[in-house]
Amino acid sequence: MRSLAQRCAAAAKEIKALIEASNGEVDAGSRLVSEAGTTMQEVLASVQRVTDIMADISAASQEQTQGIEEVNRAVVEMDTTTQQNAALVEEASAAAQAMHEQADSLARSVRQFRIADHGEGAPAALEAKRRPALTQG
């Protein structure tokens, strides 16, 4: 009986050691699970930061696209205005050319008229005749 009791005592010690080892491993596993949970929370927080950054980039890209569209519209307006100005310059140039031709024609017409020379007093007399007409009107 003694040997049976000794074997039971040894088996109990062995079971106790196994339970203690198992508890140690369970504690280590619990710590690992806790660390894994903390790591997962950090990963989730990092994913959220990346999501926020991506949203910011998307908003900035959209604003940039709108800015580029506004610049494009402004360039189109400037091009239209430039074309209109070019047309006005052509019209002004044509009008200036026509006026130049009319001035040349008028100068040629005026050259055909000659005032007869009636001595020195004649131009003064003509000038005196013109003045009343200019002041009356």
Protein backbone atom coordinates (compact mmCIF):
# COMPACT_ATOMS: atom_id res chain seq x y z
CA MET A 1 0.00 0.00 0.00
CA ARG A 2 2.80 2.22 0.67
CA SER A 3 4.03 2.02 -2.87
CA LEU A 4 0.56 2.79 -4.16
CA ALA A 5 0.38 5.83 -1.90
CA GLN A 6 3.81 6.92 -3.08
CA ARG A 7 2.80 6.51 -6.68
CA CYS A 8 -0.42 8.48 -6.01
CA ALA A 9 1.61 11.21 -4.31
CA ALA A 10 4.07 11.29 -7.20
CA ALA A 11 1.22 11.36 -9.72
CA ALA A 12 -0.42 14.19 -7.78
CA LYS A 13 2.83 16.15 -7.83
CA GLU A 14 3.17 15.47 -11.50
CA ILE A 15 -0.43 16.59 -12.13
CA LYS A 16 0.18 19.68 -10.00
CA ALA A 17 3.31 20.51 -12.05
CA LEU A 18 1.38 19.95 -15.26
CA ILE A 19 -1.45 22.21 -14.04
CA GLU A 20 1.05 24.91 -13.02
CA ALA A 21 2.77 24.63 -16.40
CA SER A 22 -0.60 24.76 -18.11
CA ASN A 23 -1.57 27.84 -16.07
CA GLY A 24 1.73 29.47 -17.07
CA GLU A 25 1.05 28.72 -20.70
CA VAL A 26 -2.56 29.99 -20.38
CA ASP A 27 -1.21 33.20 -18.79
CA ALA A 28 1.34 33.56 -21.61
CA GLY A 29 -1.44 32.90 -24.14
CA SER A 30 -3.65 35.51 -22.45
CA ARG A 31 -0.81 38.03 -22.63
CA LEU A 32 -0.33 37.20 -26.32
CA VAL A 33 -4.07 37.59 -26.95
CA SER A 34 -4.03 40.93 -25.12
CA GLU A 35 -1.01 42.08 -27.12
CA ALA A 36 -2.70 40.90 -30.32
CA GLY A 37 -5.82 42.89 -29.37
CA THR A 38 -3.72 45.98 -28.74
CA THR A 39 -1.91 45.46 -32.05
CA MET A 40 -5.24 45.03 -33.85
CA GLN A 41 -6.50 48.30 -32.31
CA GLU A 42 -3.31 50.03 -33.48
CA VAL A 43 -3.79 48.55 -36.95
CA LEU A 44 -7.40 49.73 -37.01
CA ALA A 45 -6.31 53.21 -35.88
CA SER A 46 -3.66 53.24 -38.60
CA VAL A 47 -6.22 52.15 -41.20
CA GLN A 48 -8.51 54.96 -40.03
CA ARG A 49 -5.64 57.49 -40.35
CA VAL A 50 -4.90 56.20 -43.86
CA THR A 51 -8.61 56.46 -44.71
CA ASP A 52 -8.67 60.05 -43.42
CA ILE A 53 -5.53 60.90 -45.42
CA MET A 54 -7.06 59.36 -48.55
CA ALA A 55 -10.23 61.42 -48.01
CA ASP A 56 -8.09 64.56 -47.65
CA ILE A 57 -6.19 63.69 -50.84
CA SER A 58 -9.47 63.08 -52.64
CA ALA A 59 -10.88 66.42 -51.49
CA ALA A 60 -7.66 68.21 -52.47
CA SER A 61 -7.72 66.51 -55.88
CA GLN A 62 -11.32 67.58 -56.40
CA GLU A 63 -10.46 71.18 -55.45
CA GLN A 64 -7.47 71.07 -57.78
CA THR A 65 -9.68 69.77 -60.59
CA GLN A 66 -12.13 72.62 -60.00
CA GLY A 67 -9.25 75.11 -60.00
CA ILE A 68 -7.94 73.71 -63.27
CA GLU A 69 -11.43 73.93 -64.77
CA GLU A 70 -11.67 77.58 -63.70
CA VAL A 71 -8.27 78.32 -65.24
CA ASN A 72 -9.38 76.55 -68.41
CA ARG A 73 -12.55 78.65 -68.56
CA ALA A 74 -10.49 81.81 -68.03
CA VAL A 75 -8.12 80.83 -70.84
CA VAL A 76 -11.07 80.17 -73.16
CA GLU A 77 -12.52 83.59 -72.26
CA MET A 78 -9.15 85.24 -72.87
CA ASP A 79 -8.88 83.47 -76.22
CA THR A 80 -12.38 84.63 -77.18
CA THR A 81 -11.57 88.18 -76.11
CA THR A 82 -8.29 88.06 -78.04
CA GLN A 83 -10.13 86.92 -81.15
CA GLN A 84 -12.70 89.69 -80.71
CA ASN A 85 -9.92 92.23 -80.22
CA ALA A 86 -8.18 90.96 -83.34
CA ALA A 87 -11.41 91.40 -85.31
CA LEU A 88 -11.82 94.92 -83.91
CA VAL A 89 -8.22 95.74 -84.85
CA GLU A 90 -8.88 94.52 -88.38
CA GLU A 91 -12.02 96.65 -88.56
CA ALA A 92 -10.16 99.68 -87.16
CA SER A 93 -7.34 99.13 -89.62
CA ALA A 94 -9.79 98.90 -92.51
CA ALA A 95 -11.56 102.06 -91.28
CA ALA A 96 -8.22 103.87 -90.95
CA GLN A 97 -7.25 102.79 -94.44
CA ALA A 98 -10.60 104.00 -95.80
CA MET A 99 -10.20 107.31 -93.98
CA HIS A 100 -6.67 107.64 -95.36
CA GLU A 101 -7.96 107.02 -98.87
CA GLN A 102 -10.77 109.54 -98.33
CA ALA A 103 -8.27 112.08 -97.00
CA ASP A 104 -6.07 111.54 -100.06
CA SER A 105 -9.11 111.95 -102.31
CA LEU A 106 -10.14 115.10 -100.46
CA ALA A 107 -6.61 116.50 -100.72
CA ARG A 108 -6.62 115.83 -104.47
CA SER A 109 -10.01 117.53 -104.78
CA VAL A 110 -8.88 120.56 -102.78
CA ARG A 111 -5.75 120.93 -104.92
CA GLN A 112 -7.94 121.45 -107.96
CA PHE A 113 -9.34 124.67 -106.52
CA ARG A 114 -7.14 127.75 -106.77
CA ILE A 115 -7.89 131.15 -105.41
CA ALA A 116 -7.21 133.96 -107.82
CA ASP A 117 -4.54 136.37 -106.66
CA HIS A 118 -6.19 139.83 -106.13
CA GLY A 119 -3.26 141.45 -104.42
CA GLU A 120 -2.31 141.38 -100.78
CA GLY A 121 -5.70 142.37 -99.45
CA ALA A 122 -7.63 139.61 -101.11
CA PRO A 123 -6.86 136.83 -98.62
CA ALA A 124 -7.70 139.18 -95.74
CA ALA A 125 -10.99 140.13 -97.38
CA LEU A 126 -11.88 136.47 -97.87
CA GLU A 127 -11.05 135.80 -94.25
CA ALA A 128 -13.27 138.68 -93.12
CA LYS A 129 -16.14 137.31 -95.19
CA ARG A 130 -15.76 133.86 -93.55
CA ARG A 131 -15.69 135.05 -89.96
CA PRO A 132 -19.28 136.26 -89.65
CA ALA A 133 -20.51 132.99 -91.06
CA LEU A 134 -18.53 131.03 -88.50
CA THR A 135 -19.64 133.12 -85.51
CA GLN A 136 -23.32 133.15 -86.46
CA GLY A 137 -23.66 129.39 -86.61
